[in-house]
């Protein structure tokens, strides 16, 4: 029964992580260059477009929470399998880093840059904050991708990928 629960949780987590990784890749390649291209003007322009609202909707997708719950549950279900458990703990830990960095670093920057359009800040500060956001987001993306790859490795170790 534990093996079935573990496999089910890994599949749900993998599917939701795949959507997240793909969506964030699209954002990094297509969306981010638009708003970060020439701050602060590009920030203010982007914040007034309908794409900004859609971007917020993507990042507050309730399916993300379901996938996260399943990802966090998988190590508990696989606790008696040390190799599998290790890969799942790494995957969950990396994704927790992504979430914590989003809450503690990106949300305040998003508020200053995208919601308020850099208002009240001088141009040099807005440009520097935008560049830091882009670099930090690439690091966050690498952690998200690594979490997904560790989950896939756990699936191959468990035989769930068959």
N, C-alpha and C. Protein backbone atom coordinates (compact mmCIF):
# COMPACT_ATOMS: atom_id res chain seq x y z
N UNK A 1 0.82 -1.20 0.00
CA UNK A 1 0.00 0.00 0.00
C UNK A 1 0.86 1.26 0.00
N UNK A 2 1.95 1.22 0.80
CA UNK A 2 2.86 2.39 0.84
C UNK A 2 3.48 2.63 -0.52
N UNK A 3 3.83 1.55 -1.21
CA UNK A 3 4.45 1.70 -2.53
C UNK A 3 3.49 2.36 -3.52
N UNK A 4 2.22 1.99 -3.45
CA UNK A 4 1.22 2.59 -4.34
C UNK A 4 1.05 4.07 -4.00
N UNK A 5 0.97 4.39 -2.71
CA UNK A 5 0.83 5.79 -2.29
C UNK A 5 2.05 6.60 -2.69
N UNK A 6 3.23 6.02 -2.53
CA UNK A 6 4.46 6.72 -2.91
C UNK A 6 4.46 6.99 -4.41
N UNK A 7 4.13 5.98 -5.18
CA UNK A 7 4.12 6.14 -6.64
C UNK A 7 3.10 7.19 -7.07
N UNK A 8 1.91 7.13 -6.51
CA UNK A 8 0.88 8.10 -6.85
C UNK A 8 1.33 9.52 -6.51
N UNK A 9 1.87 9.70 -5.32
CA UNK A 9 2.35 11.03 -4.89
C UNK A 9 3.48 11.53 -5.79
N UNK A 10 4.38 10.64 -6.17
CA UNK A 10 5.48 11.06 -7.04
C UNK A 10 4.96 11.50 -8.40
N UNK A 11 3.99 10.78 -8.94
CA UNK A 11 3.44 11.14 -10.25
C UNK A 11 2.73 12.49 -10.20
N UNK A 12 1.92 12.71 -9.18
CA UNK A 12 1.23 14.00 -9.06
C UNK A 12 2.23 15.13 -8.89
N UNK A 13 3.23 14.92 -8.03
CA UNK A 13 4.26 15.94 -7.82
C UNK A 13 5.04 16.19 -9.10
N UNK A 14 5.36 15.13 -9.83
CA UNK A 14 6.13 15.28 -11.07
C UNK A 14 5.36 16.07 -12.11
N UNK A 15 4.09 15.79 -12.24
CA UNK A 15 3.29 16.51 -13.23
C UNK A 15 3.19 17.98 -12.88
N UNK A 16 2.90 18.29 -11.61
CA UNK A 16 2.79 19.70 -11.23
C UNK A 16 4.14 20.40 -11.30
N UNK A 17 5.21 19.72 -10.94
CA UNK A 17 6.54 20.32 -11.07
C UNK A 17 6.91 20.54 -12.53
N UNK A 18 6.53 19.62 -13.40
CA UNK A 18 6.81 19.79 -14.83
C UNK A 18 6.11 21.04 -15.37
N UNK A 19 4.87 21.25 -14.95
CA UNK A 19 4.14 22.45 -15.37
C UNK A 19 4.84 23.70 -14.82
N UNK A 20 5.27 23.64 -13.58
CA UNK A 20 5.95 24.78 -12.97
C UNK A 20 7.28 25.08 -13.68
N UNK A 21 8.06 24.05 -13.92
CA UNK A 21 9.35 24.23 -14.60
C UNK A 21 9.14 24.79 -16.00
N UNK A 22 8.19 24.22 -16.73
CA UNK A 22 7.92 24.70 -18.08
C UNK A 22 7.38 26.12 -18.09
N UNK A 23 6.48 26.41 -17.19
CA UNK A 23 5.93 27.77 -17.10
C UNK A 23 6.98 28.79 -16.74
N UNK A 24 7.85 28.43 -15.82
CA UNK A 24 8.90 29.37 -15.44
C UNK A 24 9.97 29.52 -16.51
N UNK A 25 10.19 28.49 -17.29
CA UNK A 25 11.10 28.63 -18.42
C UNK A 25 10.51 29.60 -19.44
N UNK A 26 9.22 29.45 -19.73
CA UNK A 26 8.54 30.39 -20.63
C UNK A 26 8.64 31.81 -20.09
N UNK A 27 8.40 31.96 -18.79
CA UNK A 27 8.49 33.29 -18.19
C UNK A 27 9.89 33.87 -18.34
N UNK A 28 10.91 33.06 -18.09
CA UNK A 28 12.28 33.55 -18.17
C UNK A 28 12.68 33.94 -19.59
N UNK A 29 12.20 33.20 -20.57
CA UNK A 29 12.60 33.43 -21.96
C UNK A 29 11.73 34.48 -22.65
N UNK A 30 10.43 34.50 -22.34
CA UNK A 30 9.50 35.36 -23.07
C UNK A 30 9.06 36.57 -22.26
N UNK A 31 8.62 36.36 -21.03
CA UNK A 31 7.99 37.42 -20.26
C UNK A 31 9.00 38.34 -19.57
N UNK A 32 9.97 37.77 -18.88
CA UNK A 32 10.93 38.59 -18.13
C UNK A 32 11.67 39.61 -18.99
N UNK A 33 12.11 39.27 -20.19
CA UNK A 33 12.79 40.29 -21.00
C UNK A 33 11.88 41.49 -21.33
N UNK A 34 10.57 41.27 -21.36
CA UNK A 34 9.65 42.37 -21.68
C UNK A 34 9.63 43.39 -20.54
N UNK A 35 9.40 42.93 -19.31
CA UNK A 35 9.29 43.88 -18.21
C UNK A 35 10.63 44.35 -17.69
N UNK A 36 11.69 43.56 -17.88
CA UNK A 36 12.99 43.95 -17.34
C UNK A 36 13.90 44.59 -18.39
N UNK A 37 13.38 44.78 -19.60
CA UNK A 37 14.20 45.26 -20.71
C UNK A 37 14.80 46.63 -20.53
N UNK A 38 14.01 47.59 -20.10
CA UNK A 38 14.52 48.96 -19.92
C UNK A 38 13.80 49.62 -18.75
N UNK A 39 14.15 49.17 -17.55
CA UNK A 39 13.49 49.73 -16.37
C UNK A 39 13.87 51.20 -16.18
N UNK A 40 13.03 52.00 -15.61
CA UNK A 40 11.74 51.72 -15.00
C UNK A 40 10.56 51.80 -15.98
N UNK A 41 10.79 52.30 -17.19
CA UNK A 41 9.68 52.44 -18.15
C UNK A 41 9.03 51.09 -18.46
N UNK A 42 9.85 50.07 -18.69
CA UNK A 42 9.30 48.75 -19.04
C UNK A 42 8.48 48.16 -17.90
N UNK A 43 8.86 48.45 -16.67
CA UNK A 43 8.10 47.97 -15.51
C UNK A 43 6.71 48.59 -15.48
N UNK A 44 6.67 49.88 -15.64
CA UNK A 44 5.39 50.59 -15.58
C UNK A 44 4.47 50.18 -16.73
N UNK A 45 5.05 50.01 -17.89
CA UNK A 45 4.26 49.61 -19.06
C UNK A 45 3.71 48.19 -18.87
N UNK A 46 4.56 47.28 -18.42
CA UNK A 46 4.15 45.90 -18.26
C UNK A 46 3.06 45.75 -17.19
N UNK A 47 3.18 46.50 -16.11
CA UNK A 47 2.21 46.40 -15.01
C UNK A 47 0.80 46.80 -15.46
N UNK A 48 0.70 47.55 -16.54
CA UNK A 48 -0.62 48.00 -17.03
C UNK A 48 -1.21 47.06 -18.07
N UNK A 49 -0.48 46.01 -18.45
CA UNK A 49 -0.96 45.09 -19.48
C UNK A 49 -1.78 43.96 -18.85
N UNK A 50 -2.64 43.31 -19.63
CA UNK A 50 -3.39 42.16 -19.09
C UNK A 50 -2.48 40.97 -18.78
N UNK A 51 -1.29 40.93 -19.35
CA UNK A 51 -0.37 39.82 -19.10
C UNK A 51 0.09 39.79 -17.65
N UNK A 52 0.20 40.97 -17.04
CA UNK A 52 0.62 41.03 -15.65
C UNK A 52 -0.38 40.30 -14.76
N UNK A 53 -1.67 40.51 -14.98
CA UNK A 53 -2.69 39.80 -14.21
C UNK A 53 -2.66 38.30 -14.45
N UNK A 54 -2.43 37.91 -15.68
CA UNK A 54 -2.36 36.47 -16.00
C UNK A 54 -1.13 35.83 -15.36
N UNK A 55 -0.05 36.57 -15.30
CA UNK A 55 1.16 36.07 -14.68
C UNK A 55 0.93 35.82 -13.20
N UNK A 56 0.22 36.72 -12.54
CA UNK A 56 -0.10 36.53 -11.13
C UNK A 56 -0.98 35.30 -10.94
N UNK A 57 -1.92 35.09 -11.87
CA UNK A 57 -2.79 33.92 -11.80
C UNK A 57 -1.99 32.63 -11.93
N UNK A 58 -1.02 32.61 -12.85
CA UNK A 58 -0.19 31.42 -13.02
C UNK A 58 0.55 31.08 -11.73
N UNK A 59 1.08 32.09 -11.07
CA UNK A 59 1.88 31.85 -9.88
C UNK A 59 1.06 31.61 -8.62
N UNK A 60 -0.25 31.79 -8.69
CA UNK A 60 -1.10 31.49 -7.54
C UNK A 60 -2.04 30.33 -7.87
N UNK A 61 -1.62 29.48 -8.75
CA UNK A 61 -2.40 28.33 -9.18
C UNK A 61 -2.62 27.37 -8.00
N UNK A 62 -3.88 27.03 -7.69
CA UNK A 62 -4.13 26.13 -6.56
C UNK A 62 -3.58 24.72 -6.78
N UNK A 63 -3.38 24.32 -8.02
CA UNK A 63 -2.79 23.00 -8.26
C UNK A 63 -1.35 22.92 -7.76
N UNK A 64 -0.69 24.07 -7.69
CA UNK A 64 0.65 24.11 -7.15
C UNK A 64 0.67 23.58 -5.71
N UNK A 65 -0.32 23.99 -4.92
CA UNK A 65 -0.39 23.54 -3.53
C UNK A 65 -0.62 22.05 -3.43
N UNK A 66 -1.42 21.51 -4.33
CA UNK A 66 -1.66 20.06 -4.35
C UNK A 66 -0.35 19.34 -4.66
N UNK A 67 0.34 19.80 -5.70
CA UNK A 67 1.62 19.19 -6.06
C UNK A 67 2.64 19.29 -4.94
N UNK A 68 2.67 20.44 -4.27
CA UNK A 68 3.59 20.63 -3.15
C UNK A 68 3.26 19.67 -2.01
N UNK A 69 1.99 19.52 -1.70
CA UNK A 69 1.59 18.59 -0.64
C UNK A 69 2.02 17.16 -0.97
N UNK A 70 1.83 16.76 -2.22
CA UNK A 70 2.23 15.41 -2.62
C UNK A 70 3.76 15.27 -2.60
N UNK A 71 4.47 16.32 -3.03
CA UNK A 71 5.94 16.26 -2.98
C UNK A 71 6.43 16.13 -1.56
N UNK A 72 5.84 16.86 -0.64
CA UNK A 72 6.26 16.80 0.76
C UNK A 72 5.84 15.48 1.42
N UNK A 73 4.81 14.84 0.91
CA UNK A 73 4.35 13.57 1.48
C UNK A 73 5.21 12.39 1.03
N UNK A 74 5.83 12.50 -0.13
CA UNK A 74 6.55 11.35 -0.67
C UNK A 74 7.68 10.83 0.22
N UNK A 75 8.50 11.68 0.85
CA UNK A 75 9.54 11.10 1.71
C UNK A 75 8.98 10.30 2.88
N UNK A 76 7.82 10.73 3.41
CA UNK A 76 7.21 9.99 4.52
C UNK A 76 6.76 8.60 4.07
N UNK A 77 6.17 8.53 2.88
CA UNK A 77 5.73 7.24 2.37
C UNK A 77 6.90 6.32 2.04
N UNK A 78 8.02 6.91 1.65
CA UNK A 78 9.18 6.10 1.25
C UNK A 78 10.25 6.04 2.34
N UNK A 79 9.87 6.30 3.57
CA UNK A 79 10.85 6.41 4.65
C UNK A 79 11.65 5.13 4.86
N UNK A 80 11.07 3.98 4.59
CA UNK A 80 11.77 2.72 4.81
C UNK A 80 12.67 2.32 3.63
N UNK A 81 12.79 3.18 2.62
CA UNK A 81 13.68 2.94 1.47
C UNK A 81 14.72 4.07 1.42
N UNK A 82 15.88 3.88 2.02
CA UNK A 82 16.85 4.97 2.19
C UNK A 82 17.25 5.70 0.90
N UNK A 83 17.52 4.99 -0.18
CA UNK A 83 17.94 5.64 -1.42
C UNK A 83 16.82 6.50 -1.98
N UNK A 84 15.64 5.94 -2.04
CA UNK A 84 14.48 6.66 -2.54
C UNK A 84 14.18 7.86 -1.64
N UNK A 85 14.19 7.61 -0.35
CA UNK A 85 13.94 8.68 0.61
C UNK A 85 14.91 9.83 0.43
N UNK A 86 16.19 9.53 0.20
CA UNK A 86 17.20 10.58 0.02
C UNK A 86 16.89 11.48 -1.17
N UNK A 87 16.56 10.85 -2.31
CA UNK A 87 16.23 11.64 -3.50
C UNK A 87 14.99 12.49 -3.27
N UNK A 88 14.02 11.93 -2.58
CA UNK A 88 12.78 12.67 -2.32
C UNK A 88 12.99 13.81 -1.33
N UNK A 89 13.84 13.59 -0.33
CA UNK A 89 14.15 14.67 0.62
C UNK A 89 14.90 15.81 -0.07
N UNK A 90 15.82 15.46 -0.95
CA UNK A 90 16.54 16.50 -1.70
C UNK A 90 15.57 17.28 -2.57
N UNK A 91 14.68 16.57 -3.27
CA UNK A 91 13.69 17.24 -4.12
C UNK A 91 12.80 18.17 -3.30
N UNK A 92 12.30 17.69 -2.18
CA UNK A 92 11.44 18.50 -1.33
C UNK A 92 12.21 19.68 -0.73
N UNK A 93 13.43 19.43 -0.29
CA UNK A 93 14.25 20.50 0.28
C UNK A 93 14.54 21.60 -0.71
N UNK A 94 14.90 21.22 -1.92
CA UNK A 94 15.16 22.23 -2.95
C UNK A 94 13.92 23.04 -3.26
N UNK A 95 12.78 22.37 -3.30
CA UNK A 95 11.56 23.12 -3.60
C UNK A 95 11.16 24.02 -2.44
N UNK A 96 11.46 23.62 -1.23
CA UNK A 96 11.22 24.51 -0.08
C UNK A 96 12.11 25.74 -0.16
N UNK A 97 13.33 25.59 -0.64
CA UNK A 97 14.22 26.74 -0.87
C UNK A 97 13.57 27.69 -1.88
N UNK A 98 13.00 27.13 -2.93
CA UNK A 98 12.31 27.94 -3.95
C UNK A 98 11.16 28.72 -3.30
N UNK A 99 10.37 28.06 -2.50
CA UNK A 99 9.21 28.71 -1.88
C UNK A 99 9.65 29.80 -0.89
N UNK A 100 10.62 29.47 -0.05
CA UNK A 100 11.10 30.46 0.92
C UNK A 100 11.72 31.67 0.24
N UNK A 101 12.49 31.44 -0.80
CA UNK A 101 13.09 32.58 -1.51
C UNK A 101 12.01 33.42 -2.18
N UNK A 102 10.96 32.78 -2.66
CA UNK A 102 9.86 33.51 -3.27
C UNK A 102 9.17 34.40 -2.23
N UNK A 103 8.87 33.82 -1.09
CA UNK A 103 8.17 34.58 -0.05
C UNK A 103 9.02 35.69 0.55
N UNK A 104 10.28 35.38 0.83
CA UNK A 104 11.13 36.32 1.56
C UNK A 104 11.87 37.31 0.68
N UNK A 105 12.16 36.95 -0.56
CA UNK A 105 12.95 37.82 -1.43
C UNK A 105 12.14 38.36 -2.62
N UNK A 106 11.49 37.47 -3.33
CA UNK A 106 10.83 37.89 -4.57
C UNK A 106 9.54 38.67 -4.34
N UNK A 107 8.72 38.29 -3.37
CA UNK A 107 7.48 39.03 -3.15
C UNK A 107 7.74 40.51 -2.83
N UNK A 108 8.66 40.82 -1.91
CA UNK A 108 8.94 42.25 -1.68
C UNK A 108 9.47 42.96 -2.93
N UNK A 109 10.35 42.30 -3.68
CA UNK A 109 10.85 42.92 -4.91
C UNK A 109 9.74 43.07 -5.95
N UNK A 110 8.90 42.07 -6.09
CA UNK A 110 7.78 42.16 -7.03
C UNK A 110 6.87 43.33 -6.68
N UNK A 111 6.65 43.53 -5.39
CA UNK A 111 5.81 44.64 -4.97
C UNK A 111 6.44 45.97 -5.38
N UNK A 112 7.72 46.13 -5.10
CA UNK A 112 8.40 47.39 -5.43
C UNK A 112 8.54 47.60 -6.93
N UNK A 113 8.85 46.54 -7.65
CA UNK A 113 9.13 46.69 -9.08
C UNK A 113 7.88 46.61 -9.95
N UNK A 114 7.08 45.57 -9.77
CA UNK A 114 5.97 45.33 -10.68
C UNK A 114 4.65 45.95 -10.22
N UNK A 115 4.35 45.86 -8.95
CA UNK A 115 3.08 46.41 -8.47
C UNK A 115 3.15 47.94 -8.42
N UNK A 116 4.24 48.47 -7.83
CA UNK A 116 4.37 49.93 -7.72
C UNK A 116 5.17 50.53 -8.87
N UNK A 117 5.70 49.71 -9.76
CA UNK A 117 6.42 50.21 -10.92
C UNK A 117 7.68 50.97 -10.60
N UNK A 118 8.26 50.72 -9.45
CA UNK A 118 9.49 51.41 -9.05
C UNK A 118 9.27 52.84 -8.60
N UNK A 119 8.01 53.20 -8.37
CA UNK A 119 7.72 54.57 -7.95
C UNK A 119 8.37 54.88 -6.61
N UNK A 120 8.89 56.09 -6.51
CA UNK A 120 9.55 56.52 -5.29
C UNK A 120 11.02 56.13 -5.24
N UNK A 121 11.48 55.41 -6.25
CA UNK A 121 12.88 54.98 -6.30
C UNK A 121 13.55 55.64 -7.49
N UNK A 122 14.83 55.97 -7.33
CA UNK A 122 15.53 56.56 -8.47
C UNK A 122 15.82 55.48 -9.51
N UNK A 123 16.08 55.92 -10.72
CA UNK A 123 16.25 55.01 -11.86
C UNK A 123 17.37 54.01 -11.63
N UNK A 124 18.49 54.45 -11.10
CA UNK A 124 19.62 53.55 -10.87
C UNK A 124 19.25 52.43 -9.90
N UNK A 125 18.49 52.76 -8.88
CA UNK A 125 18.06 51.75 -7.92
C UNK A 125 17.12 50.75 -8.57
N UNK A 126 16.18 51.24 -9.38
CA UNK A 126 15.23 50.35 -10.06
C UNK A 126 15.98 49.42 -11.02
N UNK A 127 16.93 49.95 -11.76
CA UNK A 127 17.72 49.13 -12.68
C UNK A 127 18.49 48.06 -11.91
N UNK A 128 19.13 48.44 -10.80
CA UNK A 128 19.89 47.48 -10.00
C UNK A 128 18.98 46.41 -9.40
N UNK A 129 17.83 46.82 -8.90
CA UNK A 129 16.88 45.85 -8.32
C UNK A 129 16.37 44.89 -9.39
N UNK A 130 16.12 45.41 -10.59
CA UNK A 130 15.65 44.56 -11.69
C UNK A 130 16.71 43.54 -12.06
N UNK A 131 17.95 43.96 -12.17
CA UNK A 131 19.04 43.03 -12.52
C UNK A 131 19.21 41.96 -11.45
N UNK A 132 19.14 42.37 -10.17
CA UNK A 132 19.25 41.39 -9.07
C UNK A 132 18.09 40.40 -9.13
N UNK A 133 16.89 40.89 -9.43
CA UNK A 133 15.73 40.02 -9.54
C UNK A 133 15.96 38.96 -10.61
N UNK A 134 16.44 39.38 -11.77
CA UNK A 134 16.63 38.45 -12.89
C UNK A 134 17.68 37.40 -12.54
N UNK A 135 18.80 37.81 -11.96
CA UNK A 135 19.85 36.85 -11.58
C UNK A 135 19.34 35.88 -10.51
N UNK A 136 18.67 36.42 -9.49
CA UNK A 136 18.15 35.57 -8.41
C UNK A 136 17.08 34.61 -8.95
N UNK A 137 16.29 35.07 -9.92
CA UNK A 137 15.27 34.20 -10.50
C UNK A 137 15.90 33.04 -11.26
N UNK A 138 17.01 33.27 -11.91
CA UNK A 138 17.69 32.17 -12.62
C UNK A 138 18.21 31.15 -11.62
N UNK A 139 18.71 31.61 -10.50
CA UNK A 139 19.17 30.69 -9.45
C UNK A 139 17.98 29.91 -8.89
N UNK A 140 16.88 30.61 -8.68
CA UNK A 140 15.66 29.95 -8.20
C UNK A 140 15.18 28.92 -9.21
N UNK A 141 15.28 29.25 -10.49
CA UNK A 141 14.87 28.31 -11.54
C UNK A 141 15.75 27.06 -11.52
N UNK A 142 17.04 27.24 -11.32
CA UNK A 142 17.95 26.09 -11.24
C UNK A 142 17.56 25.19 -10.07
N UNK A 143 17.20 25.78 -8.94
CA UNK A 143 16.75 24.98 -7.79
C UNK A 143 15.46 24.24 -8.10
N UNK A 144 14.53 24.91 -8.80
CA UNK A 144 13.26 24.27 -9.18
C UNK A 144 13.53 23.10 -10.13
N UNK A 145 14.37 23.33 -11.12
CA UNK A 145 14.71 22.28 -12.07
C UNK A 145 15.42 21.12 -11.38
N UNK A 146 16.35 21.43 -10.48
CA UNK A 146 17.06 20.38 -9.74
C UNK A 146 16.08 19.57 -8.89
N UNK A 147 15.10 20.22 -8.30
CA UNK A 147 14.08 19.52 -7.52
C UNK A 147 13.32 18.54 -8.42
N UNK A 148 12.94 19.01 -9.59
CA UNK A 148 12.23 18.16 -10.56
C UNK A 148 13.09 16.98 -10.98
N UNK A 149 14.36 17.22 -11.27
CA UNK A 149 15.25 16.14 -11.70
C UNK A 149 15.48 15.13 -10.57
N UNK A 150 15.59 15.60 -9.34
CA UNK A 150 15.72 14.67 -8.21
C UNK A 150 14.46 13.82 -8.05
N UNK A 151 13.32 14.43 -8.27
CA UNK A 151 12.07 13.67 -8.21
C UNK A 151 12.03 12.62 -9.32
N UNK A 152 12.45 13.00 -10.52
CA UNK A 152 12.51 12.02 -11.61
C UNK A 152 13.48 10.90 -11.29
N UNK A 153 14.60 11.24 -10.67
CA UNK A 153 15.56 10.20 -10.28
C UNK A 153 14.95 9.27 -9.25
N UNK A 154 14.21 9.83 -8.31
CA UNK A 154 13.53 8.99 -7.32
C UNK A 154 12.53 8.06 -8.00
N UNK A 155 11.86 8.58 -9.01
CA UNK A 155 10.89 7.74 -9.73
C UNK A 155 11.59 6.59 -10.45
N UNK A 156 12.76 6.82 -10.99
CA UNK A 156 13.48 5.74 -11.66
C UNK A 156 14.02 4.73 -10.64
N UNK A 157 14.48 5.22 -9.51
CA UNK A 157 14.98 4.33 -8.45
C UNK A 157 13.85 3.43 -7.93
N UNK A 158 12.64 4.01 -7.82
CA UNK A 158 11.53 3.23 -7.26
C UNK A 158 10.86 2.32 -8.29
N UNK A 159 11.10 2.59 -9.56
CA UNK A 159 10.42 1.83 -10.60
C UNK A 159 9.11 2.46 -11.00
N UNK A 160 8.75 3.61 -10.43
CA UNK A 160 7.49 4.27 -10.72
C UNK A 160 7.45 4.84 -12.13
N UNK A 161 8.61 5.04 -12.73
CA UNK A 161 8.66 5.63 -14.06
C UNK A 161 8.29 4.62 -15.15
N UNK A 162 8.16 3.36 -14.78
CA UNK A 162 7.84 2.32 -15.78
C UNK A 162 6.37 2.31 -16.12
